[in-house]
N, C-alpha and C. Protein backbone atom coordinates (compact mmCIF):
# COMPACT_ATOMS: atom_id res chain seq x y z
N MET A 1 95.81 65.12 117.43
CA MET A 1 94.84 66.19 117.49
C MET A 1 93.44 65.61 117.35
N LYS A 2 92.48 66.30 117.84
CA LYS A 2 91.07 65.92 117.72
C LYS A 2 90.56 66.43 116.38
N LEU A 3 89.49 65.81 115.86
CA LEU A 3 88.93 66.22 114.58
C LEU A 3 88.51 67.69 114.61
N SER A 4 87.94 68.14 115.71
CA SER A 4 87.50 69.53 115.81
C SER A 4 88.67 70.51 115.74
N GLU A 5 89.88 70.03 115.96
CA GLU A 5 91.07 70.88 115.90
C GLU A 5 91.73 70.86 114.53
N CYS A 6 91.16 70.12 113.58
CA CYS A 6 91.74 70.03 112.24
C CYS A 6 91.74 71.44 111.63
N PRO A 7 92.90 71.95 111.21
CA PRO A 7 92.99 73.33 110.75
C PRO A 7 92.39 73.54 109.35
N PRO A 8 92.01 74.78 109.04
CA PRO A 8 91.54 75.11 107.69
C PRO A 8 92.61 74.76 106.66
N GLY A 9 92.16 74.29 105.49
CA GLY A 9 93.09 73.91 104.42
C GLY A 9 93.58 72.48 104.52
N TYR A 10 93.12 71.76 105.53
CA TYR A 10 93.54 70.37 105.75
C TYR A 10 92.32 69.48 105.92
N ARG A 11 92.53 68.20 105.65
CA ARG A 11 91.56 67.18 106.02
C ARG A 11 92.24 66.32 107.05
N CYS A 12 91.49 65.78 107.97
CA CYS A 12 92.10 64.99 109.03
C CYS A 12 91.60 63.57 108.97
N VAL A 13 92.54 62.65 108.99
CA VAL A 13 92.21 61.23 108.95
C VAL A 13 92.57 60.59 110.29
N LYS A 14 91.71 59.69 110.69
CA LYS A 14 91.89 59.03 111.98
C LYS A 14 93.07 58.07 111.92
N ARG A 15 93.87 58.11 112.94
CA ARG A 15 94.98 57.16 113.05
C ARG A 15 94.40 55.80 113.39
N THR A 16 94.71 54.81 112.58
CA THR A 16 94.14 53.48 112.81
C THR A 16 95.18 52.46 113.22
N ASN A 17 96.43 52.76 113.02
CA ASN A 17 97.45 51.76 113.27
C ASN A 17 98.16 51.92 114.62
N ARG A 18 97.64 52.80 115.46
CA ARG A 18 98.28 53.01 116.74
C ARG A 18 97.28 52.80 117.87
N LEU A 19 97.75 52.31 118.96
CA LEU A 19 96.93 52.18 120.17
C LEU A 19 97.52 53.09 121.23
N ARG A 20 96.69 53.60 122.06
CA ARG A 20 97.22 54.38 123.18
C ARG A 20 96.95 53.58 124.45
N PHE A 21 97.76 53.79 125.42
CA PHE A 21 97.61 53.05 126.68
C PHE A 21 97.11 53.99 127.76
N ALA A 22 96.00 53.61 128.35
CA ALA A 22 95.44 54.39 129.46
C ALA A 22 96.28 54.12 130.70
N ARG A 23 95.99 54.83 131.76
CA ARG A 23 96.75 54.66 133.01
C ARG A 23 96.70 53.22 133.51
N SER A 24 95.67 52.49 133.14
CA SER A 24 95.57 51.10 133.59
C SER A 24 96.40 50.16 132.72
N ASN A 25 97.14 50.71 131.73
CA ASN A 25 97.95 49.96 130.79
C ASN A 25 97.13 49.09 129.85
N ALA A 26 95.85 49.29 129.80
CA ALA A 26 95.02 48.56 128.85
C ALA A 26 95.01 49.34 127.53
N ALA A 27 95.16 48.63 126.43
CA ALA A 27 95.16 49.29 125.13
C ALA A 27 93.74 49.69 124.76
N GLU A 28 93.59 50.88 124.20
CA GLU A 28 92.29 51.34 123.71
C GLU A 28 92.51 52.07 122.40
N PRO A 29 91.48 52.15 121.57
CA PRO A 29 91.64 52.81 120.27
C PRO A 29 92.08 54.26 120.43
N ASN A 30 92.86 54.71 119.50
CA ASN A 30 93.35 56.08 119.50
C ASN A 30 92.37 56.97 118.76
N ASP A 31 91.91 58.05 119.38
CA ASP A 31 91.01 59.00 118.73
C ASP A 31 91.76 60.22 118.22
N GLU A 32 93.01 60.01 117.84
CA GLU A 32 93.82 61.10 117.32
C GLU A 32 93.72 61.12 115.80
N TYR A 33 93.90 62.32 115.22
CA TYR A 33 93.81 62.51 113.77
C TYR A 33 95.10 63.13 113.25
N ASP A 34 95.44 62.79 112.02
CA ASP A 34 96.58 63.38 111.33
C ASP A 34 96.05 64.35 110.28
N ALA A 35 96.66 65.51 110.19
CA ALA A 35 96.25 66.54 109.21
C ALA A 35 96.97 66.32 107.89
N ILE A 36 96.20 66.33 106.80
CA ILE A 36 96.74 66.16 105.44
C ILE A 36 96.30 67.38 104.63
N LEU A 37 97.25 68.03 103.98
CA LEU A 37 96.99 69.24 103.19
C LEU A 37 96.00 68.95 102.08
N CYS A 38 95.01 69.82 101.91
CA CYS A 38 94.06 69.69 100.79
C CYS A 38 94.81 69.92 99.48
N SER A 39 94.42 69.22 98.43
CA SER A 39 95.03 69.32 97.11
C SER A 39 94.53 70.57 96.39
N PRO A 40 95.27 71.04 95.38
CA PRO A 40 94.74 72.13 94.53
C PRO A 40 93.39 71.72 93.95
N GLY A 41 92.48 72.67 93.85
CA GLY A 41 91.14 72.40 93.34
C GLY A 41 90.16 71.98 94.41
N THR A 42 90.65 71.89 95.68
CA THR A 42 89.81 71.54 96.81
C THR A 42 90.07 72.53 97.94
N TYR A 43 89.26 72.45 98.99
CA TYR A 43 89.41 73.37 100.12
C TYR A 43 88.89 72.71 101.39
N SER A 44 89.14 73.34 102.52
CA SER A 44 88.56 72.91 103.79
C SER A 44 88.53 74.10 104.73
N SER A 45 87.39 74.34 105.34
CA SER A 45 87.28 75.45 106.28
C SER A 45 87.67 75.01 107.69
N GLY A 46 88.07 73.76 107.85
CA GLY A 46 88.52 73.25 109.15
C GLY A 46 87.59 72.20 109.70
N GLY A 47 88.15 71.31 110.51
CA GLY A 47 87.36 70.26 111.14
C GLY A 47 86.78 69.25 110.17
N ALA A 48 87.47 69.01 109.05
CA ALA A 48 86.91 68.17 107.98
C ALA A 48 87.68 66.86 107.82
N VAL A 49 86.97 65.82 107.38
CA VAL A 49 87.62 64.55 107.05
C VAL A 49 87.87 64.44 105.55
N GLU A 50 87.25 65.29 104.76
CA GLU A 50 87.45 65.34 103.31
C GLU A 50 87.61 66.79 102.87
N CYS A 51 88.29 67.00 101.76
CA CYS A 51 88.42 68.32 101.14
C CYS A 51 87.49 68.33 99.92
N PRO A 52 86.35 69.02 100.00
CA PRO A 52 85.45 69.03 98.86
C PRO A 52 86.02 69.81 97.69
N PRO A 53 85.60 69.48 96.46
CA PRO A 53 86.08 70.21 95.30
C PRO A 53 85.49 71.62 95.26
N CYS A 54 86.21 72.52 94.63
CA CYS A 54 85.72 73.88 94.44
C CYS A 54 84.49 73.83 93.53
N GLU A 55 83.53 74.71 93.79
CA GLU A 55 82.35 74.75 92.94
C GLU A 55 82.70 75.40 91.60
N THR A 56 81.87 75.19 90.62
CA THR A 56 82.07 75.73 89.29
C THR A 56 82.29 77.24 89.36
N GLY A 57 83.31 77.72 88.65
CA GLY A 57 83.59 79.15 88.60
C GLY A 57 84.46 79.65 89.75
N THR A 58 84.96 78.73 90.57
CA THR A 58 85.89 79.10 91.62
C THR A 58 87.16 78.27 91.46
N TYR A 59 88.22 78.66 92.17
CA TYR A 59 89.48 77.95 92.00
C TYR A 59 90.32 77.98 93.28
N ALA A 60 91.19 77.00 93.40
CA ALA A 60 92.18 76.91 94.47
C ALA A 60 93.46 76.39 93.81
N PRO A 61 94.31 77.29 93.32
CA PRO A 61 95.47 76.87 92.53
C PRO A 61 96.60 76.24 93.32
N ILE A 62 96.55 76.36 94.64
CA ILE A 62 97.55 75.73 95.50
C ILE A 62 96.82 74.93 96.57
N GLY A 63 97.48 73.98 97.16
CA GLY A 63 96.87 73.20 98.21
C GLY A 63 96.80 73.98 99.52
N GLY A 64 95.89 73.57 100.39
CA GLY A 64 95.82 74.14 101.73
C GLY A 64 95.00 75.40 101.87
N LEU A 65 94.09 75.66 100.94
CA LEU A 65 93.27 76.87 101.06
C LEU A 65 92.03 76.60 101.90
N PRO A 66 91.61 77.59 102.73
CA PRO A 66 90.42 77.42 103.56
C PRO A 66 89.12 77.64 102.78
N GLU A 67 89.21 78.23 101.59
CA GLU A 67 88.04 78.42 100.73
C GLU A 67 88.52 78.63 99.30
N CYS A 68 87.64 78.40 98.36
CA CYS A 68 87.97 78.60 96.95
C CYS A 68 87.76 80.08 96.61
N ILE A 69 88.48 80.54 95.61
CA ILE A 69 88.45 81.94 95.20
C ILE A 69 87.51 82.08 94.00
N LYS A 70 86.69 83.13 94.01
CA LYS A 70 85.77 83.37 92.89
C LYS A 70 86.55 83.88 91.69
N CYS A 71 86.25 83.32 90.54
CA CYS A 71 86.88 83.74 89.30
C CYS A 71 86.49 85.19 89.01
N PRO A 72 87.47 86.09 88.76
CA PRO A 72 87.13 87.51 88.55
C PRO A 72 86.60 87.80 87.15
N THR A 73 86.00 88.96 86.99
CA THR A 73 85.55 89.39 85.67
C THR A 73 86.76 89.49 84.75
N GLY A 74 86.52 89.32 83.45
CA GLY A 74 87.60 89.38 82.48
C GLY A 74 88.43 88.10 82.41
N HIS A 75 88.03 87.09 83.17
CA HIS A 75 88.76 85.83 83.24
C HIS A 75 87.79 84.65 83.17
N LYS A 76 88.34 83.49 82.87
CA LYS A 76 87.57 82.25 82.91
C LYS A 76 88.31 81.26 83.79
N CYS A 77 87.57 80.37 84.42
CA CYS A 77 88.15 79.38 85.33
C CYS A 77 87.58 78.00 85.03
N PRO A 78 88.01 77.40 83.91
CA PRO A 78 87.50 76.06 83.58
C PRO A 78 88.11 74.95 84.43
N ASP A 79 89.27 75.22 85.05
CA ASP A 79 89.97 74.22 85.85
C ASP A 79 90.13 74.77 87.27
N ALA A 80 89.45 74.16 88.23
CA ALA A 80 89.46 74.64 89.62
C ALA A 80 90.82 74.54 90.29
N SER A 81 91.75 73.78 89.71
CA SER A 81 93.07 73.63 90.32
C SER A 81 94.11 74.55 89.68
N ALA A 82 93.68 75.44 88.78
CA ALA A 82 94.61 76.33 88.08
C ALA A 82 94.22 77.80 88.31
N TYR A 83 95.16 78.68 88.03
CA TYR A 83 94.88 80.11 88.13
C TYR A 83 93.92 80.52 87.00
N PRO A 84 93.16 81.60 87.17
CA PRO A 84 92.26 82.07 86.12
C PRO A 84 93.01 82.40 84.83
N GLU A 85 92.33 82.22 83.72
CA GLU A 85 92.88 82.57 82.41
C GLU A 85 92.20 83.85 81.95
N GLN A 86 92.97 84.78 81.42
CA GLN A 86 92.38 86.01 80.88
C GLN A 86 91.56 85.68 79.65
N CYS A 87 90.45 86.39 79.49
CA CYS A 87 89.68 86.24 78.26
C CYS A 87 90.55 86.70 77.10
N SER A 88 90.45 86.02 75.98
CA SER A 88 91.26 86.39 74.81
C SER A 88 90.68 87.64 74.15
N ILE A 89 91.43 88.18 73.23
CA ILE A 89 90.99 89.37 72.49
C ILE A 89 89.64 89.09 71.83
N ASN A 90 88.76 90.05 71.88
CA ASN A 90 87.40 90.01 71.33
C ASN A 90 86.46 89.07 72.08
N THR A 91 86.83 88.71 73.32
CA THR A 91 85.92 88.00 74.21
C THR A 91 85.96 88.70 75.57
N TYR A 92 84.96 88.42 76.42
CA TYR A 92 84.88 89.09 77.72
C TYR A 92 84.04 88.26 78.70
N THR A 93 84.14 88.61 79.97
CA THR A 93 83.19 88.18 80.99
C THR A 93 82.95 89.38 81.88
N ASN A 94 81.70 89.72 82.08
CA ASN A 94 81.37 90.85 82.94
C ASN A 94 80.77 90.39 84.26
N GLN A 95 80.91 89.10 84.55
CA GLN A 95 80.42 88.53 85.80
C GLN A 95 81.52 87.67 86.41
N ILE A 96 81.45 87.48 87.72
CA ILE A 96 82.41 86.60 88.39
C ILE A 96 81.96 85.16 88.23
N LYS A 97 82.84 84.23 88.57
CA LYS A 97 82.56 82.79 88.59
C LYS A 97 82.18 82.21 87.21
N GLN A 98 82.89 82.63 86.16
CA GLN A 98 82.62 82.14 84.82
C GLN A 98 83.66 81.09 84.42
N ILE A 99 83.23 80.11 83.63
CA ILE A 99 84.16 79.07 83.16
C ILE A 99 84.53 79.26 81.69
N CYS A 100 83.90 80.22 81.03
CA CYS A 100 84.26 80.52 79.65
C CYS A 100 83.99 82.00 79.39
N CYS A 101 84.59 82.51 78.34
CA CYS A 101 84.42 83.92 77.96
C CYS A 101 83.45 84.01 76.78
N ARG A 102 82.69 85.06 76.74
CA ARG A 102 81.70 85.29 75.69
C ARG A 102 82.29 86.16 74.58
N PRO A 103 81.84 85.95 73.34
CA PRO A 103 82.34 86.80 72.26
C PRO A 103 81.70 88.18 72.32
N CYS A 104 82.45 89.17 71.91
CA CYS A 104 81.87 90.50 71.79
C CYS A 104 80.82 90.47 70.68
N PRO A 105 79.69 91.16 70.87
CA PRO A 105 78.69 91.20 69.80
C PRO A 105 79.17 92.02 68.61
N ALA A 106 78.52 91.85 67.49
CA ALA A 106 78.86 92.62 66.29
C ALA A 106 78.81 94.10 66.62
N GLY A 107 79.78 94.84 66.12
CA GLY A 107 79.84 96.27 66.37
C GLY A 107 80.61 96.63 67.63
N GLU A 108 81.10 95.61 68.36
CA GLU A 108 81.91 95.85 69.56
C GLU A 108 83.15 94.98 69.51
N HIS A 109 84.15 95.34 70.32
CA HIS A 109 85.39 94.55 70.36
C HIS A 109 86.05 94.68 71.73
N ALA A 110 86.95 93.76 72.01
CA ALA A 110 87.79 93.78 73.22
C ALA A 110 89.23 93.76 72.71
N PRO A 111 89.88 94.92 72.67
CA PRO A 111 91.19 95.01 72.03
C PRO A 111 92.35 94.37 72.79
N VAL A 112 92.17 94.06 74.06
CA VAL A 112 93.23 93.42 74.85
C VAL A 112 92.65 92.25 75.63
N LYS A 113 93.53 91.39 76.12
CA LYS A 113 93.09 90.25 76.93
C LYS A 113 92.58 90.73 78.28
N GLY A 114 91.66 89.94 78.86
CA GLY A 114 91.19 90.20 80.22
C GLY A 114 90.13 91.28 80.35
N MET A 115 89.38 91.52 79.31
CA MET A 115 88.36 92.58 79.35
C MET A 115 87.10 92.10 80.07
N GLY A 116 86.53 92.99 80.87
CA GLY A 116 85.28 92.73 81.56
C GLY A 116 84.09 93.24 80.79
N GLN A 117 84.34 93.93 79.69
CA GLN A 117 83.26 94.41 78.82
C GLN A 117 83.84 94.69 77.44
N CYS A 118 82.97 94.73 76.46
CA CYS A 118 83.40 95.06 75.10
C CYS A 118 83.22 96.56 74.88
N LEU A 119 83.98 97.10 73.96
CA LEU A 119 83.92 98.52 73.64
C LEU A 119 83.30 98.70 72.26
N ALA A 120 82.73 99.86 72.03
CA ALA A 120 82.16 100.15 70.71
C ALA A 120 83.27 100.10 69.67
N CYS A 121 82.93 99.59 68.51
CA CYS A 121 83.89 99.50 67.41
C CYS A 121 84.32 100.92 67.01
N PRO A 122 85.62 101.15 66.80
CA PRO A 122 86.07 102.49 66.41
C PRO A 122 85.43 102.94 65.09
N ALA A 123 85.25 104.23 64.96
CA ALA A 123 84.64 104.80 63.74
C ALA A 123 85.46 104.38 62.52
N GLY A 124 84.76 103.96 61.48
CA GLY A 124 85.41 103.56 60.24
C GLY A 124 85.96 102.14 60.25
N ARG A 125 85.77 101.40 61.34
CA ARG A 125 86.24 100.02 61.42
C ARG A 125 85.05 99.08 61.46
N ARG A 126 85.26 97.85 61.05
CA ARG A 126 84.22 96.83 61.08
C ARG A 126 84.58 95.82 62.17
N CYS A 127 83.66 95.51 63.05
CA CYS A 127 83.90 94.56 64.14
C CYS A 127 82.83 93.48 64.11
N PRO A 128 83.08 92.37 63.38
CA PRO A 128 82.09 91.29 63.35
C PRO A 128 82.05 90.55 64.69
N ALA A 129 80.96 89.87 64.94
CA ALA A 129 80.82 89.07 66.17
C ALA A 129 81.85 87.96 66.16
N GLY A 130 82.37 87.64 67.33
CA GLY A 130 83.39 86.59 67.45
C GLY A 130 82.78 85.22 67.63
N GLU A 131 83.66 84.23 67.74
CA GLU A 131 83.25 82.84 67.98
C GLU A 131 82.86 82.67 69.43
N ASP A 132 81.84 81.87 69.69
CA ASP A 132 81.38 81.62 71.06
C ASP A 132 82.06 80.35 71.59
N GLU A 133 83.06 80.54 72.45
CA GLU A 133 83.79 79.39 73.00
C GLU A 133 82.99 78.67 74.08
N CYS A 134 81.89 79.25 74.52
CA CYS A 134 81.09 78.64 75.57
C CYS A 134 80.20 77.52 75.05
N LYS A 135 79.97 77.46 73.76
CA LYS A 135 79.16 76.39 73.18
C LYS A 135 80.02 75.16 73.03
N GLN A 136 79.62 74.08 73.65
CA GLN A 136 80.41 72.85 73.56
C GLN A 136 79.50 71.68 73.27
């Protein structure tokens, strides 16, 4: 195949160990390419010799994707080659493409995993601010 025919989700490498014979029987370099599946954490929209890594906050958990997927709200994506992780209890993300979850502020809480926002603390309960896992 030609490089321009390299399908999405693959990188194409030039065949170097083969010669093709023209009608004159003279050997000439082969301009054919072999398609190799992109690895998890990388992507290719087609016609590529390399599979670039997913940008921060996106992921490709399986090989062969034509583009990386944006991390959804309520989740974090610290590893581009893995599926998103739900934010833990009392943490949240209200934006896409996040690599860590934020703690709910004092007076608010996230009672279940995967919250995209914190809720007001129930009447008669105390909800202190959580730990900030984003500080490293």
